[in-house]
């Protein structure tokens, strides 16, 4: 009788995300879920008026679209400090309303 290893990936609420025969695939899915939840937590820390489910969905989209997002952000540079640029204040990013 053969022994079959099955790797189960669950979300933070214990719901089954998937079952995988390959540990590498299960680890990839698990890391993607961790990234999705980390992003969702960061969005909730911002105080945006989004539900937990909306933050998780947006975090999931960000994980899926990471290459596109990376391309958009690639050319950005940090705003220099006051001393470096002689500016009086750093501009604040406006929150979407």
PDB file of N, CA and C in Angstrom:
ATOM      1  N   UNK A   1       0.846  -1.173   0.000  1.00  0.00           N
ATOM      2  CA  UNK A   1       0.000   0.000   0.000  1.00  0.00           C
ATOM      3  C   UNK A   1       0.897   1.244   0.000  1.00  0.00           C
ATOM      4  N   UNK A   2       0.710   2.137  -0.986  1.00  0.00           N
ATOM      5  CA  UNK A   2       1.574   3.323  -1.074  1.00  0.00           C
ATOM      6  C   UNK A   2       1.176   4.405  -0.060  1.00  0.00           C
ATOM      7  N   UNK A   3       2.149   5.180   0.299  1.00  0.00           N
ATOM      8  CA  UNK A   3       1.914   6.342   1.152  1.00  0.00           C
ATOM      9  C   UNK A   3       1.985   7.571   0.265  1.00  0.00           C
ATOM     10  N   UNK A   4       0.966   8.407   0.351  1.00  0.00           N
ATOM     11  CA  UNK A   4       0.899   9.603  -0.476  1.00  0.00           C
ATOM     12  C   UNK A   4       0.922  10.824   0.439  1.00  0.00           C
ATOM     13  N   UNK A   5       1.882  11.691   0.192  1.00  0.00           N
ATOM     14  CA  UNK A   5       1.948  12.952   0.933  1.00  0.00           C
ATOM     15  C   UNK A   5       1.095  13.987   0.225  1.00  0.00           C
ATOM     16  N   UNK A   6       0.237  14.635   0.994  1.00  0.00           N
ATOM     17  CA  UNK A   6      -0.589  15.712   0.471  1.00  0.00           C
ATOM     18  C   UNK A   6      -0.343  16.933   1.344  1.00  0.00           C
ATOM     19  N   UNK A   7      -0.013  18.029   0.692  1.00  0.00           N
ATOM     20  CA  UNK A   7       0.254  19.284   1.403  1.00  0.00           C
ATOM     21  C   UNK A   7      -0.972  20.173   1.272  1.00  0.00           C
ATOM     22  N   UNK A   8      -1.538  20.524   2.410  1.00  0.00           N
ATOM     23  CA  UNK A   8      -2.727  21.368   2.431  1.00  0.00           C
ATOM     24  C   UNK A   8      -2.341  22.784   2.795  1.00  0.00           C
ATOM     25  N   UNK A   9      -2.866  23.730   2.035  1.00  0.00           N
ATOM     26  CA  UNK A   9      -2.661  25.149   2.315  1.00  0.00           C
ATOM     27  C   UNK A   9      -4.004  25.698   2.768  1.00  0.00           C
ATOM     28  N   UNK A  10      -3.981  26.353   3.932  1.00  0.00           N
ATOM     29  CA  UNK A  10      -5.207  26.934   4.482  1.00  0.00           C
ATOM     30  C   UNK A  10      -5.007  28.436   4.673  1.00  0.00           C
ATOM     31  N   UNK A  11      -6.113  29.172   4.651  1.00  0.00           N
ATOM     32  CA  UNK A  11      -6.030  30.614   4.887  1.00  0.00           C
ATOM     33  C   UNK A  11      -5.997  30.871   6.390  1.00  0.00           C
ATOM     34  N   UNK A  12      -5.965  32.126   6.774  1.00  0.00           N
ATOM     35  CA  UNK A  12      -5.822  32.449   8.194  1.00  0.00           C
ATOM     36  C   UNK A  12      -7.058  32.097   9.005  1.00  0.00           C
ATOM     37  N   UNK A  13      -8.158  31.805   8.337  1.00  0.00           N
ATOM     38  CA  UNK A  13      -9.369  31.382   9.047  1.00  0.00           C
ATOM     39  C   UNK A  13      -9.503  29.866   9.092  1.00  0.00           C
ATOM     40  N   UNK A  14      -8.526  29.178   8.505  1.00  0.00           N
ATOM     41  CA  UNK A  14      -8.551  27.720   8.511  1.00  0.00           C
ATOM     42  C   UNK A  14      -9.253  27.099   7.319  1.00  0.00           C
ATOM     43  N   UNK A  15      -9.708  27.908   6.374  1.00  0.00           N
ATOM     44  CA  UNK A  15     -10.371  27.378   5.175  1.00  0.00           C
ATOM     45  C   UNK A  15      -9.329  26.820   4.219  1.00  0.00           C
ATOM     46  N   UNK A  16      -9.643  25.697   3.632  1.00  0.00           N
ATOM     47  CA  UNK A  16      -8.731  25.043   2.702  1.00  0.00           C
ATOM     48  C   UNK A  16      -8.612  25.849   1.409  1.00  0.00           C
ATOM     49  N   UNK A  17      -7.372  26.205   1.046  1.00  0.00           N
ATOM     50  CA  UNK A  17      -7.093  26.904  -0.203  1.00  0.00           C
ATOM     51  C   UNK A  17      -6.825  25.888  -1.305  1.00  0.00           C
ATOM     52  N   UNK A  18      -6.070  24.856  -0.974  1.00  0.00           N
ATOM     53  CA  UNK A  18      -5.765  23.834  -1.959  1.00  0.00           C
ATOM     54  C   UNK A  18      -4.968  22.696  -1.355  1.00  0.00           C
ATOM     55  N   UNK A  19      -4.970  21.583  -2.065  1.00  0.00           N
ATOM     56  CA  UNK A  19      -4.179  20.418  -1.689  1.00  0.00           C
ATOM     57  C   UNK A  19      -3.203  20.136  -2.824  1.00  0.00           C
ATOM     58  N   UNK A  20      -1.950  19.897  -2.465  1.00  0.00           N
ATOM     59  CA  UNK A  20      -0.906  19.756  -3.473  1.00  0.00           C
ATOM     60  C   UNK A  20      -0.054  18.530  -3.178  1.00  0.00           C
ATOM     61  N   UNK A  21       0.330  17.843  -4.221  1.00  0.00           N
ATOM     62  CA  UNK A  21       1.204  16.687  -4.093  1.00  0.00           C
ATOM     63  C   UNK A  21       2.666  17.123  -4.038  1.00  0.00           C
ATOM     64  N   UNK A  22       2.954  18.300  -4.576  1.00  0.00           N
ATOM     65  CA  UNK A  22       4.311  18.822  -4.653  1.00  0.00           C
ATOM     66  C   UNK A  22       4.513  19.867  -3.560  1.00  0.00           C
ATOM     67  N   UNK A  23       5.482  19.632  -2.668  1.00  0.00           N
ATOM     68  CA  UNK A  23       5.751  20.558  -1.570  1.00  0.00           C
ATOM     69  C   UNK A  23       6.168  21.932  -2.082  1.00  0.00           C
ATOM     70  N   UNK A  24       6.921  21.991  -3.174  1.00  0.00           N
ATOM     71  CA  UNK A  24       7.355  23.282  -3.719  1.00  0.00           C
ATOM     72  C   UNK A  24       6.170  24.130  -4.147  1.00  0.00           C
ATOM     73  N   UNK A  25       5.197  23.510  -4.786  1.00  0.00           N
ATOM     74  CA  UNK A  25       3.997  24.232  -5.218  1.00  0.00           C
ATOM     75  C   UNK A  25       3.211  24.711  -3.997  1.00  0.00           C
ATOM     76  N   UNK A  26       3.082  23.841  -3.002  1.00  0.00           N
ATOM     77  CA  UNK A  26       2.370  24.224  -1.773  1.00  0.00           C
ATOM     78  C   UNK A  26       3.070  25.397  -1.091  1.00  0.00           C
ATOM     79  N   UNK A  27       4.396  25.393  -1.063  1.00  0.00           N
ATOM     80  CA  UNK A  27       5.146  26.498  -0.461  1.00  0.00           C
ATOM     81  C   UNK A  27       4.937  27.800  -1.233  1.00  0.00           C
ATOM     82  N   UNK A  28       4.891  27.718  -2.560  1.00  0.00           N
ATOM     83  CA  UNK A  28       4.661  28.904  -3.385  1.00  0.00           C
ATOM     84  C   UNK A  28       3.277  29.483  -3.095  1.00  0.00           C
ATOM     85  N   UNK A  29       2.270  28.632  -3.051  1.00  0.00           N
ATOM     86  CA  UNK A  29       0.907  29.091  -2.772  1.00  0.00           C
ATOM     87  C   UNK A  29       0.848  29.691  -1.365  1.00  0.00           C
ATOM     88  N   UNK A  30       1.499  29.055  -0.408  1.00  0.00           N
ATOM     89  CA  UNK A  30       1.508  29.548   0.968  1.00  0.00           C
ATOM     90  C   UNK A  30       2.172  30.922   1.058  1.00  0.00           C
ATOM     91  N   UNK A  31       3.285  31.119   0.379  1.00  0.00           N
ATOM     92  CA  UNK A  31       3.963  32.418   0.404  1.00  0.00           C
ATOM     93  C   UNK A  31       3.125  33.494  -0.271  1.00  0.00           C
ATOM     94  N   UNK A  32       2.421  33.117  -1.339  1.00  0.00           N
ATOM     95  CA  UNK A  32       1.540  34.081  -2.005  1.00  0.00           C
ATOM     96  C   UNK A  32       0.393  34.489  -1.076  1.00  0.00           C
ATOM     97  N   UNK A  33      -0.151  33.535  -0.344  1.00  0.00           N
ATOM     98  CA  UNK A  33      -1.216  33.845   0.612  1.00  0.00           C
ATOM     99  C   UNK A  33      -0.685  34.735   1.729  1.00  0.00           C
ATOM    100  N   UNK A  34       0.530  34.446   2.211  1.00  0.00           N
ATOM    101  CA  UNK A  34       1.133  35.291   3.245  1.00  0.00           C
ATOM    102  C   UNK A  34       1.297  36.722   2.745  1.00  0.00           C
ATOM    103  N   UNK A  35       1.764  36.870   1.511  1.00  0.00           N
ATOM    104  CA  UNK A  35       1.943  38.209   0.931  1.00  0.00           C
ATOM    105  C   UNK A  35       0.600  38.914   0.806  1.00  0.00           C
ATOM    106  N   UNK A  36      -0.426  38.189   0.373  1.00  0.00           N
ATOM    107  CA  UNK A  36      -1.764  38.773   0.239  1.00  0.00           C
ATOM    108  C   UNK A  36      -2.252  39.284   1.592  1.00  0.00           C
ATOM    109  N   UNK A  37      -2.089  38.490   2.637  1.00  0.00           N
ATOM    110  CA  UNK A  37      -2.553  38.903   3.964  1.00  0.00           C
ATOM    111  C   UNK A  37      -1.703  40.036   4.520  1.00  0.00           C
ATOM    112  N   UNK A  38      -0.399  40.022   4.260  1.00  0.00           N
ATOM    113  CA  UNK A  38       0.459  41.126   4.710  1.00  0.00           C
ATOM    114  C   UNK A  38       0.037  42.437   4.061  1.00  0.00           C
ATOM    115  N   UNK A  39      -0.240  42.393   2.758  1.00  0.00           N
ATOM    116  CA  UNK A  39      -0.699  43.593   2.056  1.00  0.00           C
ATOM    117  C   UNK A  39      -2.051  44.064   2.596  1.00  0.00           C
ATOM    118  N   UNK A  40      -2.954  43.119   2.848  1.00  0.00           N
ATOM    119  CA  UNK A  40      -4.269  43.472   3.391  1.00  0.00           C
ATOM    120  C   UNK A  40      -4.125  44.127   4.759  1.00  0.00           C
ATOM    121  N   UNK A  41      -3.226  43.598   5.589  1.00  0.00           N
ATOM    122  CA  UNK A  41      -2.992  44.186   6.914  1.00  0.00           C
ATOM    123  C   UNK A  41      -2.458  45.607   6.792  1.00  0.00           C
ATOM    124  N   UNK A  42      -1.531  45.825   5.846  1.00  0.00           N
ATOM    125  CA  UNK A  42      -0.970  47.166   5.640  1.00  0.00           C
ATOM    126  C   UNK A  42      -2.063  48.143   5.209  1.00  0.00           C
ATOM    127  N   UNK A  43      -2.968  47.695   4.341  1.00  0.00           N
ATOM    128  CA  UNK A  43      -4.056  48.568   3.889  1.00  0.00           C
ATOM    129  C   UNK A  43      -4.983  48.921   5.042  1.00  0.00           C
ATOM    130  N   UNK A  44      -5.260  47.957   5.919  1.00  0.00           N
ATOM    131  CA  UNK A  44      -6.125  48.241   7.064  1.00  0.00           C
ATOM    132  C   UNK A  44      -5.449  49.198   8.036  1.00  0.00           C
ATOM    133  N   UNK A  45      -4.109  49.123   8.150  1.00  0.00           N
ATOM    134  CA  UNK A  45      -3.367  50.047   9.013  1.00  0.00           C
ATOM    135  C   UNK A  45      -3.469  51.490   8.514  1.00  0.00           C
ATOM    136  N   UNK A  46      -3.684  51.665   7.210  1.00  0.00           N
ATOM    137  CA  UNK A  46      -3.794  53.008   6.643  1.00  0.00           C
ATOM    138  C   UNK A  46      -5.084  53.705   7.049  1.00  0.00           C
ATOM    139  N   UNK A  47      -6.037  52.945   7.537  1.00  0.00           N
ATOM    140  CA  UNK A  47      -7.302  53.535   7.958  1.00  0.00           C
ATOM    141  C   UNK A  47      -8.253  53.802   6.804  1.00  0.00           C
ATOM    142  N   UNK A  48      -8.041  53.154   5.682  1.00  0.00           N
ATOM    143  CA  UNK A  48      -8.962  53.318   4.563  1.00  0.00           C
ATOM    144  C   UNK A  48     -10.300  52.692   4.916  1.00  0.00           C
ATOM    145  N   UNK A  49     -11.334  53.185   4.329  1.00  0.00           N
ATOM    146  CA  UNK A  49     -12.666  52.660   4.614  1.00  0.00           C
ATOM    147  C   UNK A  49     -12.946  51.446   3.746  1.00  0.00           C
ATOM    148  N   UNK A  50     -12.166  50.399   3.965  1.00  0.00           N
ATOM    149  CA  UNK A  50     -12.328  49.142   3.241  1.00  0.00           C
ATOM    150  C   UNK A  50     -12.597  48.031   4.246  1.00  0.00           C
ATOM    151  N   UNK A  51     -13.435  47.087   3.853  1.00  0.00           N
ATOM    152  CA  UNK A  51     -13.675  45.944   4.718  1.00  0.00           C
ATOM    153  C   UNK A  51     -12.471  45.005   4.652  1.00  0.00           C
ATOM    154  N   UNK A  52     -12.423  44.079   5.583  1.00  0.00           N
ATOM    155  CA  UNK A  52     -11.344  43.083   5.593  1.00  0.00           C
ATOM    156  C   UNK A  52     -11.343  42.292   4.281  1.00  0.00           C
ATOM    157  N   UNK A  53     -12.531  41.937   3.794  1.00  0.00           N
ATOM    158  CA  UNK A  53     -12.638  41.186   2.547  1.00  0.00           C
ATOM    159  C   UNK A  53     -12.140  42.005   1.362  1.00  0.00           C
ATOM    160  N   UNK A  54     -12.450  43.304   1.350  1.00  0.00           N
ATOM    161  CA  UNK A  54     -11.978  44.163   0.262  1.00  0.00           C
ATOM    162  C   UNK A  54     -10.457  44.289   0.296  1.00  0.00           C
ATOM    163  N   UNK A  55      -9.898  44.423   1.488  1.00  0.00           N
ATOM    164  CA  UNK A  55      -8.438  44.513   1.613  1.00  0.00           C
ATOM    165  C   UNK A  55      -7.779  43.225   1.145  1.00  0.00           C
ATOM    166  N   UNK A  56      -8.361  42.086   1.522  1.00  0.00           N
ATOM    167  CA  UNK A  56      -7.805  40.801   1.090  1.00  0.00           C
ATOM    168  C   UNK A  56      -7.909  40.640  -0.419  1.00  0.00           C
ATOM    169  N   UNK A  57      -9.039  41.060  -1.000  1.00  0.00           N
ATOM    170  CA  UNK A  57      -9.200  40.965  -2.453  1.00  0.00           C
ATOM    171  C   UNK A  57      -8.198  41.867  -3.165  1.00  0.00           C
ATOM    172  N   UNK A  58      -8.015  43.074  -2.668  1.00  0.00           N
ATOM    173  CA  UNK A  58      -7.048  43.995  -3.261  1.00  0.00           C
ATOM    174  C   UNK A  58      -5.626  43.458  -3.096  1.00  0.00           C
ATOM    175  N   UNK A  59      -5.327  42.889  -1.937  1.00  0.00           N
ATOM    176  CA  UNK A  59      -4.026  42.271  -1.713  1.00  0.00           C
ATOM    177  C   UNK A  59      -3.791  41.117  -2.682  1.00  0.00           C
ATOM    178  N   UNK A  60      -4.820  40.318  -2.921  1.00  0.00           N
ATOM    179  CA  UNK A  60      -4.718  39.221  -3.882  1.00  0.00           C
ATOM    180  C   UNK A  60      -4.464  39.727  -5.288  1.00  0.00           C
ATOM    181  N   UNK A  61      -5.161  40.817  -5.649  1.00  0.00           N
ATOM    182  CA  UNK A  61      -4.924  41.397  -6.975  1.00  0.00           C
ATOM    183  C   UNK A  61      -3.495  41.897  -7.086  1.00  0.00           C
ATOM    184  N   UNK A  62      -2.997  42.536  -6.026  1.00  0.00           N
ATOM    185  CA  UNK A  62      -1.629  43.062  -6.051  1.00  0.00           C
ATOM    186  C   UNK A  62      -0.612  41.934  -6.221  1.00  0.00           C
ATOM    187  N   UNK A  63      -0.862  40.796  -5.590  1.00  0.00           N
ATOM    188  CA  UNK A  63       0.035  39.644  -5.751  1.00  0.00           C
ATOM    189  C   UNK A  63      -0.007  39.164  -7.201  1.00  0.00           C
ATOM    190  N   UNK A  64      -1.209  39.067  -7.761  1.00  0.00           N
ATOM    191  CA  UNK A  64      -1.356  38.598  -9.147  1.00  0.00           C
ATOM    192  C   UNK A  64      -0.747  39.584 -10.148  1.00  0.00           C
ATOM    193  N   UNK A  65      -0.888  40.871  -9.885  1.00  0.00           N
ATOM    194  CA  UNK A  65      -0.441  41.907 -10.831  1.00  0.00           C
ATOM    195  C   UNK A  65       0.922  42.486 -10.448  1.00  0.00           C
ATOM    196  N   UNK A  66       1.690  41.749  -9.660  1.00  0.00           N
ATOM    197  CA  UNK A  66       2.949  42.288  -9.129  1.00  0.00           C
ATOM    198  C   UNK A  66       3.917  42.725 -10.209  1.00  0.00           C
ATOM    199  N   UNK A  67       3.974  42.042 -11.338  1.00  0.00           N
ATOM    200  CA  UNK A  67       4.893  42.431 -12.411  1.00  0.00           C
ATOM    201  C   UNK A  67       4.467  43.760 -13.025  1.00  0.00           C
ATOM    202  N   UNK A  68       3.170  43.939 -13.242  1.00  0.00           N
ATOM    203  CA  UNK A  68       2.665  45.208 -13.777  1.00  0.00           C
ATOM    204  C   UNK A  68       2.904  46.346 -12.786  1.00  0.00           C
ATOM    205  N   UNK A  69       2.656  46.065 -11.505  1.00  0.00           N
ATOM    206  CA  UNK A  69       2.869  47.078 -10.473  1.00  0.00           C
ATOM    207  C   UNK A  69       4.349  47.436 -10.390  1.00  0.00           C
ATOM    208  N   UNK A  70       5.187  46.419 -10.471  1.00  0.00           N
ATOM    209  CA  UNK A  70       6.628  46.663 -10.412  1.00  0.00           C
ATOM    210  C   UNK A  70       7.080  47.531 -11.577  1.00  0.00           C
ATOM    211  N   UNK A  71       6.518  47.296 -12.764  1.00  0.00           N
ATOM    212  CA  UNK A  71       6.863  48.113 -13.933  1.00  0.00           C
ATOM    213  C   UNK A  71       6.458  49.573 -13.730  1.00  0.00           C
ATOM    214  N   UNK A  72       5.289  49.797 -13.134  1.00  0.00           N
ATOM    215  CA  UNK A  72       4.815  51.156 -12.902  1.00  0.00           C
ATOM    216  C   UNK A  72       5.711  51.872 -11.887  1.00  0.00           C
ATOM    217  N   UNK A  73       6.131  51.157 -10.845  1.00  0.00           N
ATOM    218  CA  UNK A  73       6.903  51.770  -9.764  1.00  0.00           C
ATOM    219  C   UNK A  73       8.399  51.843 -10.038  1.00  0.00           C
ATOM    220  N   UNK A  74       8.855  51.139 -11.066  1.00  0.00           N
ATOM    221  CA  UNK A  74      10.286  51.021 -11.333  1.00  0.00           C
ATOM    222  C   UNK A  74      10.983  52.370 -11.513  1.00  0.00           C
ATOM    223  N   UNK A  75      10.365  53.294 -12.194  1.00  0.00           N
ATOM    224  CA  UNK A  75      11.012  54.561 -12.497  1.00  0.00           C
ATOM    225  C   UNK A  75      10.901  55.619 -11.410  1.00  0.00           C
ATOM    226  N   UNK A  76      10.195  55.321 -10.324  1.00  0.00           N
ATOM    227  CA  UNK A  76      10.013  56.311  -9.266  1.00  0.00           C
ATOM    228  C   UNK A  76      11.266  56.469  -8.425  1.00  0.00           C
ATOM    229  N   UNK A  77      11.457  57.667  -7.943  1.00  0.00           N
ATOM    230  CA  UNK A  77      12.574  57.946  -7.037  1.00  0.00           C
ATOM    231  C   UNK A  77      12.020  58.505  -5.739  1.00  0.00           C
ATOM    232  N   UNK A  78      12.797  58.374  -4.669  1.00  0.00           N
ATOM    233  CA  UNK A  78      12.395  58.920  -3.379  1.00  0.00           C
ATOM    234  C   UNK A  78      12.432  60.435  -3.432  1.00  0.00           C
ATOM    235  N   UNK A  79      11.563  61.059  -2.666  1.00  0.00           N
ATOM    236  CA  UNK A  79      11.567  62.514  -2.538  1.00  0.00           C
ATOM    237  C   UNK A  79      12.740  62.866  -1.633  1.00  0.00           C
ATOM    238  N   UNK A  80      13.591  63.796  -2.058  1.00  0.00           N
ATOM    239  CA  UNK A  80      14.749  64.129  -1.229  1.00  0.00           C
ATOM    240  C   UNK A  80      14.346  64.763   0.096  1.00  0.00           C
ATOM    241  N   UNK A  81      15.219  64.609   1.091  1.00  0.00           N
ATOM    242  CA  UNK A  81      15.002  65.243   2.394  1.00  0.00           C
ATOM    243  C   UNK A  81      15.071  66.751   2.237  1.00  0.00           C
ATOM    244  N   UNK A  82      14.564  67.467   3.222  1.00  0.00           N
ATOM    245  CA  UNK A  82      14.569  68.936   3.204  1.00  0.00           C
ATOM    246  C   UNK A  82      15.968  69.491   2.973  1.00  0.00           C
ATOM    247  N   UNK A  83      16.943  68.913   3.641  1.00  0.00           N
ATOM    248  CA  UNK A  83      18.308  69.419   3.549  1.00  0.00           C
ATOM    249  C   UNK A  83      18.874  69.246   2.144  1.00  0.00           C
ATOM    250  N   UNK A  84      18.507  68.140   1.498  1.00  0.00           N
ATOM    251  CA  UNK A  84      19.045  67.859   0.170  1.00  0.00           C
ATOM    252  C   UNK A  84      18.419  68.733  -0.908  1.00  0.00           C
ATOM    253  N   UNK A  85      17.115  68.986  -0.786  1.00  0.00           N
ATOM    254  CA  UNK A  85      16.421  69.685  -1.856  1.00  0.00           C
ATOM    255  C   UNK A  85      16.127  71.142  -1.546  1.00  0.00           C
ATOM    256  N   UNK A  86      16.231  71.510  -0.298  1.00  0.00           N
ATOM    257  CA  UNK A  86      15.894  72.866   0.076  1.00  0.00           C
ATOM    258  C   UNK A  86      14.399  73.113   0.105  1.00  0.00           C
ATOM    259  N   UNK A  87      13.596  72.053   0.094  1.00  0.00           N
ATOM    260  CA  UNK A  87      12.140  72.198   0.105  1.00  0.00           C
ATOM    261  C   UNK A  87      11.663  72.425   1.528  1.00  0.00           C
ATOM    262  N   UNK A  88      10.550  73.115   1.656  1.00  0.00           N
ATOM    263  CA  UNK A  88      10.028  73.395   2.989  1.00  0.00           C
ATOM    264  C   UNK A  88       9.266  72.200   3.553  1.00  0.00           C
ATOM    265  N   UNK A  89       8.490  71.511   2.739  1.00  0.00           N
ATOM    266  CA  UNK A  89       7.722  70.351   3.194  1.00  0.00           C
ATOM    267  C   UNK A  89       7.690  69.299   2.104  1.00  0.00           C
ATOM    268  N   UNK A  90       7.686  68.056   2.551  1.00  0.00           N
ATOM    269  CA  UNK A  90       7.466  66.972   1.596  1.00  0.00           C
ATOM    270  C   UNK A  90       5.987  66.950   1.249  1.00  0.00           C
ATOM    271  N   UNK A  91       5.643  66.747  -0.006  1.00  0.00           N
ATOM    272  CA  UNK A  91       4.223  66.674  -0.331  1.00  0.00           C
ATOM    273  C   UNK A  91       3.584  65.426   0.251  1.00  0.00           C
ATOM    274  N   UNK A  92       2.365  65.557   0.691  1.00  0.00           N
ATOM    275  CA  UNK A  92       1.606  64.436   1.193  1.00  0.00           C
ATOM    276  C   UNK A  92       0.816  63.826   0.043  1.00  0.00           C
ATOM    277  N   UNK A  93       0.763  62.499   0.003  1.00  0.00           N
ATOM    278  CA  UNK A  93      -0.042  61.836  -1.009  1.00  0.00           C
ATOM    279  C   UNK A  93      -1.486  61.905  -0.589  1.00  0.00           C
ATOM    280  N   UNK A  94      -2.356  62.275  -1.500  1.00  0.00           N
ATOM    281  CA  UNK A  94      -3.778  62.393  -1.195  1.00  0.00           C
ATOM    282  C   UNK A  94      -4.409  61.008  -1.196  1.00  0.00           C
ATOM    283  N   UNK A  95      -5.266  60.743  -0.244  1.00  0.00           N
ATOM    284  CA  UNK A  95      -6.013  59.488  -0.199  1.00  0.00           C
ATOM    285  C   UNK A  95      -7.176  59.590  -1.163  1.00  0.00           C
ATOM    286  N   UNK A  96      -7.453  58.480  -1.839  1.00  0.00           N
ATOM    287  CA  UNK A  96      -8.565  58.458  -2.775  1.00  0.00           C
ATOM    288  C   UNK A  96      -9.865  58.532  -1.990  1.00  0.00           C
ATOM    289  N   UNK A  97     -10.816  59.308  -2.504  1.00  0.00           N
ATOM    290  CA  UNK A  97     -12.091  59.405  -1.799  1.00  0.00           C
ATOM    291  C   UNK A  97     -13.223  58.979  -2.686  1.00  0.00           C
TER     292      UNK A  97
END
